[in-house]
Amino acid sequence: MNKKTLPPPPDFDSPEEARDIIHFLWNKLAELEDRLNPNSRKSSVPSSQQALHSKAKNTLILPQ
């Protein structure tokens, strides 16, 4: 896996600026995690068209 070299962290002029940047980065992290871990709730593919292995895993089918 290739790792990018990150620039040094910014210096903050005020606590408000630090808070704003933290919120921005927090939201960006959540967005990237959603892209890495897609699930049916956030998928654009209807559940009826998903592969069987991606549907609910805790479903127990009992013989009749």
PDB file of N, CA and C in Angstrom:
ATOM      1  N   MET A   1       0.843  -1.167   0.000  1.00  0.00           N
ATOM      2  CA  MET A   1       0.000   0.000   0.000  1.00  0.00           C
ATOM      3  C   MET A   1       0.890   1.232   0.000  1.00  0.00           C
ATOM      4  N   ASN A   2       0.587   2.158  -0.885  1.00  0.00           N
ATOM      5  CA  ASN A   2       1.360   3.394  -0.956  1.00  0.00           C
ATOM      6  C   ASN A   2       0.865   4.375   0.087  1.00  0.00           C
ATOM      7  N   LYS A   3       1.800   4.984   0.779  1.00  0.00           N
ATOM      8  CA  LYS A   3       1.435   5.994   1.767  1.00  0.00           C
ATOM      9  C   LYS A   3       1.846   7.355   1.235  1.00  0.00           C
ATOM     10  N   LYS A   4       0.941   8.313   1.346  1.00  0.00           N
ATOM     11  CA  LYS A   4       1.250   9.677   0.948  1.00  0.00           C
ATOM     12  C   LYS A   4       1.972  10.372   2.088  1.00  0.00           C
ATOM     13  N   THR A   5       2.848  11.267   1.727  1.00  0.00           N
ATOM     14  CA  THR A   5       3.501  12.087   2.733  1.00  0.00           C
ATOM     15  C   THR A   5       2.581  13.260   3.030  1.00  0.00           C
ATOM     16  N   LEU A   6       2.192  13.382   4.278  1.00  0.00           N
ATOM     17  CA  LEU A   6       1.276  14.448   4.676  1.00  0.00           C
ATOM     18  C   LEU A   6       2.039  15.713   5.008  1.00  0.00           C
ATOM     19  N   PRO A   7       1.428  16.847   4.733  1.00  0.00           N
ATOM     20  CA  PRO A   7       2.064  18.103   5.152  1.00  0.00           C
ATOM     21  C   PRO A   7       1.998  18.210   6.672  1.00  0.00           C
ATOM     22  N   PRO A   8       2.796  19.071   7.246  1.00  0.00           N
ATOM     23  CA  PRO A   8       2.727  19.239   8.708  1.00  0.00           C
ATOM     24  C   PRO A   8       1.365  19.782   9.114  1.00  0.00           C
ATOM     25  N   PRO A   9       0.933  19.480  10.328  1.00  0.00           N
ATOM     26  CA  PRO A   9      -0.367  19.997  10.778  1.00  0.00           C
ATOM     27  C   PRO A   9      -0.342  21.521  10.841  1.00  0.00           C
ATOM     28  N   PRO A  10      -1.503  22.123  10.662  1.00  0.00           N
ATOM     29  CA  PRO A  10      -1.548  23.597  10.672  1.00  0.00           C
ATOM     30  C   PRO A  10      -1.379  24.163  12.076  1.00  0.00           C
ATOM     31  N   ASP A  11      -0.897  25.387  12.119  1.00  0.00           N
ATOM     32  CA  ASP A  11      -0.881  26.145  13.367  1.00  0.00           C
ATOM     33  C   ASP A  11      -2.196  26.905  13.431  1.00  0.00           C
ATOM     34  N   PHE A  12      -2.828  26.901  14.577  1.00  0.00           N
ATOM     35  CA  PHE A  12      -4.114  27.563  14.726  1.00  0.00           C
ATOM     36  C   PHE A  12      -3.932  28.925  15.359  1.00  0.00           C
ATOM     37  N   ASP A  13      -4.679  29.886  14.828  1.00  0.00           N
ATOM     38  CA  ASP A  13      -4.627  31.238  15.376  1.00  0.00           C
ATOM     39  C   ASP A  13      -5.595  31.417  16.538  1.00  0.00           C
ATOM     40  N   SER A  14      -6.594  30.529  16.627  1.00  0.00           N
ATOM     41  CA  SER A  14      -7.580  30.660  17.695  1.00  0.00           C
ATOM     42  C   SER A  14      -8.201  29.296  17.979  1.00  0.00           C
ATOM     43  N   PRO A  15      -8.784  29.131  19.165  1.00  0.00           N
ATOM     44  CA  PRO A  15      -9.486  27.875  19.464  1.00  0.00           C
ATOM     45  C   PRO A  15     -10.656  27.636  18.502  1.00  0.00           C
ATOM     46  N   GLU A  16     -11.293  28.703  18.037  1.00  0.00           N
ATOM     47  CA  GLU A  16     -12.412  28.560  17.105  1.00  0.00           C
ATOM     48  C   GLU A  16     -11.937  27.986  15.770  1.00  0.00           C
ATOM     49  N   GLU A  17     -10.794  28.458  15.309  1.00  0.00           N
ATOM     50  CA  GLU A  17     -10.234  27.944  14.057  1.00  0.00           C
ATOM     51  C   GLU A  17      -9.873  26.467  14.213  1.00  0.00           C
ATOM     52  N   ALA A  18      -9.300  26.104  15.346  1.00  0.00           N
ATOM     53  CA  ALA A  18      -8.977  24.703  15.608  1.00  0.00           C
ATOM     54  C   ALA A  18     -10.244  23.858  15.621  1.00  0.00           C
ATOM     55  N   ARG A  19     -11.296  24.344  16.273  1.00  0.00           N
ATOM     56  CA  ARG A  19     -12.568  23.633  16.334  1.00  0.00           C
ATOM     57  C   ARG A  19     -13.152  23.424  14.939  1.00  0.00           C
ATOM     58  N   ASP A  20     -13.112  24.471  14.108  1.00  0.00           N
ATOM     59  CA  ASP A  20     -13.655  24.375  12.752  1.00  0.00           C
ATOM     60  C   ASP A  20     -12.909  23.336  11.918  1.00  0.00           C
ATOM     61  N   ILE A  21     -11.606  23.317  12.044  1.00  0.00           N
ATOM     62  CA  ILE A  21     -10.813  22.347  11.283  1.00  0.00           C
ATOM     63  C   ILE A  21     -11.053  20.937  11.806  1.00  0.00           C
ATOM     64  N   ILE A  22     -11.170  20.770  13.104  1.00  0.00           N
ATOM     65  CA  ILE A  22     -11.465  19.447  13.678  1.00  0.00           C
ATOM     66  C   ILE A  22     -12.808  18.940  13.164  1.00  0.00           C
ATOM     67  N   HIS A  23     -13.821  19.799  13.139  1.00  0.00           N
ATOM     68  CA  HIS A  23     -15.143  19.400  12.632  1.00  0.00           C
ATOM     69  C   HIS A  23     -15.064  19.003  11.158  1.00  0.00           C
ATOM     70  N   PHE A  24     -14.335  19.792  10.371  1.00  0.00           N
ATOM     71  CA  PHE A  24     -14.176  19.475   8.950  1.00  0.00           C
ATOM     72  C   PHE A  24     -13.514  18.104   8.782  1.00  0.00           C
ATOM     73  N   LEU A  25     -12.438  17.880   9.502  1.00  0.00           N
ATOM     74  CA  LEU A  25     -11.717  16.609   9.380  1.00  0.00           C
ATOM     75  C   LEU A  25     -12.541  15.438   9.905  1.00  0.00           C
ATOM     76  N   TRP A  26     -13.310  15.656  10.960  1.00  0.00           N
ATOM     77  CA  TRP A  26     -14.184  14.604  11.515  1.00  0.00           C
ATOM     78  C   TRP A  26     -15.205  14.164  10.471  1.00  0.00           C
ATOM     79  N   ASN A  27     -15.820  15.150   9.806  1.00  0.00           N
ATOM     80  CA  ASN A  27     -16.799  14.843   8.764  1.00  0.00           C
ATOM     81  C   ASN A  27     -16.152  14.147   7.574  1.00  0.00           C
ATOM     82  N   LYS A  28     -14.962  14.562   7.213  1.00  0.00           N
ATOM     83  CA  LYS A  28     -14.245  13.931   6.098  1.00  0.00           C
ATOM     84  C   LYS A  28     -13.910  12.481   6.447  1.00  0.00           C
ATOM     85  N   LEU A  29     -13.498  12.236   7.674  1.00  0.00           N
ATOM     86  CA  LEU A  29     -13.205  10.870   8.121  1.00  0.00           C
ATOM     87  C   LEU A  29     -14.452   9.993   8.028  1.00  0.00           C
ATOM     88  N   ALA A  30     -15.577  10.511   8.477  1.00  0.00           N
ATOM     89  CA  ALA A  30     -16.829   9.750   8.413  1.00  0.00           C
ATOM     90  C   ALA A  30     -17.189   9.435   6.963  1.00  0.00           C
ATOM     91  N   GLU A  31     -17.006  10.394   6.077  1.00  0.00           N
ATOM     92  CA  GLU A  31     -17.295  10.185   4.652  1.00  0.00           C
ATOM     93  C   GLU A  31     -16.401   9.085   4.067  1.00  0.00           C
ATOM     94  N   LEU A  32     -15.124   9.121   4.384  1.00  0.00           N
ATOM     95  CA  LEU A  32     -14.196   8.117   3.856  1.00  0.00           C
ATOM     96  C   LEU A  32     -14.475   6.736   4.439  1.00  0.00           C
ATOM     97  N   GLU A  33     -14.835   6.666   5.720  1.00  0.00           N
ATOM     98  CA  GLU A  33     -15.182   5.374   6.317  1.00  0.00           C
ATOM     99  C   GLU A  33     -16.436   4.803   5.678  1.00  0.00           C
ATOM    100  N   ASP A  34     -17.394   5.655   5.354  1.00  0.00           N
ATOM    101  CA  ASP A  34     -18.603   5.189   4.672  1.00  0.00           C
ATOM    102  C   ASP A  34     -18.272   4.604   3.308  1.00  0.00           C
ATOM    103  N   ARG A  35     -17.313   5.200   2.624  1.00  0.00           N
ATOM    104  CA  ARG A  35     -16.921   4.672   1.314  1.00  0.00           C
ATOM    105  C   ARG A  35     -16.221   3.323   1.445  1.00  0.00           C
ATOM    106  N   LEU A  36     -15.468   3.144   2.515  1.00  0.00           N
ATOM    107  CA  LEU A  36     -14.760   1.875   2.723  1.00  0.00           C
ATOM    108  C   LEU A  36     -15.685   0.768   3.194  1.00  0.00           C
ATOM    109  N   ASN A  37     -16.724   1.108   3.924  1.00  0.00           N
ATOM    110  CA  ASN A  37     -17.613   0.124   4.519  1.00  0.00           C
ATOM    111  C   ASN A  37     -19.052   0.334   4.072  1.00  0.00           C
ATOM    112  N   PRO A  38     -19.309   0.149   2.776  1.00  0.00           N
ATOM    113  CA  PRO A  38     -20.691   0.361   2.333  1.00  0.00           C
ATOM    114  C   PRO A  38     -21.612  -0.717   2.881  1.00  0.00           C
ATOM    115  N   ASN A  39     -22.867  -0.374   3.110  1.00  0.00           N
ATOM    116  CA  ASN A  39     -23.855  -1.362   3.507  1.00  0.00           C
ATOM    117  C   ASN A  39     -25.130  -1.083   2.738  1.00  0.00           C
ATOM    118  N   SER A  40     -26.096  -1.949   2.862  1.00  0.00           N
ATOM    119  CA  SER A  40     -27.308  -1.838   2.059  1.00  0.00           C
ATOM    120  C   SER A  40     -28.102  -0.572   2.373  1.00  0.00           C
ATOM    121  N   ARG A  41     -27.979  -0.033   3.567  1.00  0.00           N
ATOM    122  CA  ARG A  41     -28.739   1.171   3.908  1.00  0.00           C
ATOM    123  C   ARG A  41     -28.255   2.371   3.120  1.00  0.00           C
ATOM    124  N   LYS A  42     -26.980   2.377   2.759  1.00  0.00           N
ATOM    125  CA  LYS A  42     -26.428   3.522   2.063  1.00  0.00           C
ATOM    126  C   LYS A  42     -26.158   3.207   0.593  1.00  0.00           C
ATOM    127  N   SER A  43     -26.556   2.065   0.148  1.00  0.00           N
ATOM    128  CA  SER A  43     -26.296   1.650  -1.216  1.00  0.00           C
ATOM    129  C   SER A  43     -27.349   2.208  -2.160  1.00  0.00           C
ATOM    130  N   SER A  44     -26.934   2.477  -3.393  1.00  0.00           N
ATOM    131  CA  SER A  44     -27.889   2.920  -4.398  1.00  0.00           C
ATOM    132  C   SER A  44     -28.551   1.731  -5.086  1.00  0.00           C
ATOM    133  N   VAL A  45     -28.083   0.516  -4.783  1.00  0.00           N
ATOM    134  CA  VAL A  45     -28.654  -0.692  -5.365  1.00  0.00           C
ATOM    135  C   VAL A  45     -29.796  -1.168  -4.462  1.00  0.00           C
ATOM    136  N   PRO A  46     -30.994  -1.376  -5.023  1.00  0.00           N
ATOM    137  CA  PRO A  46     -32.104  -1.866  -4.201  1.00  0.00           C
ATOM    138  C   PRO A  46     -31.769  -3.216  -3.576  1.00  0.00           C
ATOM    139  N   SER A  47     -32.299  -3.471  -2.382  1.00  0.00           N
ATOM    140  CA  SER A  47     -31.984  -4.711  -1.676  1.00  0.00           C
ATOM    141  C   SER A  47     -32.394  -5.939  -2.484  1.00  0.00           C
ATOM    142  N   SER A  48     -33.426  -5.814  -3.322  1.00  0.00           N
ATOM    143  CA  SER A  48     -33.862  -6.957  -4.127  1.00  0.00           C
ATOM    144  C   SER A  48     -32.838  -7.326  -5.200  1.00  0.00           C
ATOM    145  N   GLN A  49     -31.917  -6.414  -5.512  1.00  0.00           N
ATOM    146  CA  GLN A  49     -30.913  -6.681  -6.533  1.00  0.00           C
ATOM    147  C   GLN A  49     -29.534  -6.960  -5.948  1.00  0.00           C
ATOM    148  N   GLN A  50     -29.411  -6.948  -4.631  1.00  0.00           N
ATOM    149  CA  GLN A  50     -28.116  -7.222  -4.006  1.00  0.00           C
ATOM    150  C   GLN A  50     -27.833  -8.711  -4.042  1.00  0.00           C
ATOM    151  N   ALA A  51     -26.573  -9.049  -4.001  1.00  0.00           N
ATOM    152  CA  ALA A  51     -26.182 -10.460  -3.933  1.00  0.00           C
ATOM    153  C   ALA A  51     -26.659 -11.053  -2.614  1.00  0.00           C
ATOM    154  N   LEU A  52     -26.934 -12.339  -2.612  1.00  0.00           N
ATOM    155  CA  LEU A  52     -27.456 -12.983  -1.403  1.00  0.00           C
ATOM    156  C   LEU A  52     -26.517 -12.835  -0.216  1.00  0.00           C
ATOM    157  N   HIS A  53     -25.212 -12.910  -0.438  1.00  0.00           N
ATOM    158  CA  HIS A  53     -24.269 -12.834   0.681  1.00  0.00           C
ATOM    159  C   HIS A  53     -24.218 -11.447   1.315  1.00  0.00           C
ATOM    160  N   SER A  54     -24.745 -10.415   0.659  1.00  0.00           N
ATOM    161  CA  SER A  54     -24.721  -9.086   1.244  1.00  0.00           C
ATOM    162  C   SER A  54     -26.022  -8.733   1.959  1.00  0.00           C
ATOM    163  N   LYS A  55     -27.010  -9.608   1.899  1.00  0.00           N
ATOM    164  CA  LYS A  55     -28.265  -9.373   2.609  1.00  0.00           C
ATOM    165  C   LYS A  55     -28.104  -9.759   4.080  1.00  0.00           C
ATOM    166  N   ALA A  56     -29.138  -9.613   4.850  1.00  0.00           N
ATOM    167  CA  ALA A  56     -29.091  -9.858   6.296  1.00  0.00           C
ATOM    168  C   ALA A  56     -28.450 -11.205   6.600  1.00  0.00           C
ATOM    169  N   LYS A  57     -27.537 -11.189   7.563  1.00  0.00           N
ATOM    170  CA  LYS A  57     -26.793 -12.396   7.895  1.00  0.00           C
ATOM    171  C   LYS A  57     -27.386 -13.152   9.073  1.00  0.00           C
ATOM    172  N   ASN A  58     -28.238 -12.519   9.842  1.00  0.00           N
ATOM    173  CA  ASN A  58     -28.774 -13.153  11.041  1.00  0.00           C
ATOM    174  C   ASN A  58     -30.144 -13.770  10.801  1.00  0.00           C
ATOM    175  N   THR A  59     -30.456 -14.065   9.575  1.00  0.00           N
ATOM    176  CA  THR A  59     -31.743 -14.641   9.242  1.00  0.00           C
ATOM    177  C   THR A  59     -31.655 -16.168   9.383  1.00  0.00           C
ATOM    178  N   LEU A  60     -32.556 -16.721  10.127  1.00  0.00           N
ATOM    179  CA  LEU A  60     -32.600 -18.167  10.337  1.00  0.00           C
ATOM    180  C   LEU A  60     -33.841 -18.705   9.651  1.00  0.00           C
ATOM    181  N   ILE A  61     -33.648 -19.663   8.758  1.00  0.00           N
ATOM    182  CA  ILE A  61     -34.766 -20.252   8.037  1.00  0.00           C
ATOM    183  C   ILE A  61     -35.044 -21.625   8.648  1.00  0.00           C
ATOM    184  N   LEU A  62     -36.225 -21.764   9.195  1.00  0.00           N
ATOM    185  CA  LEU A  62     -36.602 -23.028   9.849  1.00  0.00           C
ATOM    186  C   LEU A  62     -37.402 -23.881   8.878  1.00  0.00           C
ATOM    187  N   PRO A  63     -37.182 -25.213   8.876  1.00  0.00           N
ATOM    188  CA  PRO A  63     -37.976 -26.076   8.020  1.00  0.00           C
ATOM    189  C   PRO A  63     -39.438 -26.118   8.521  1.00  0.00           C
ATOM    190  N   GLN A  64     -40.367 -26.285   7.587  1.00  0.00           N
ATOM    191  CA  GLN A  64     -41.782 -26.284   7.966  1.00  0.00           C
ATOM    192  C   GLN A  64     -42.325 -27.673   8.069  1.00  0.00           C
TER     193      GLN A  64
END
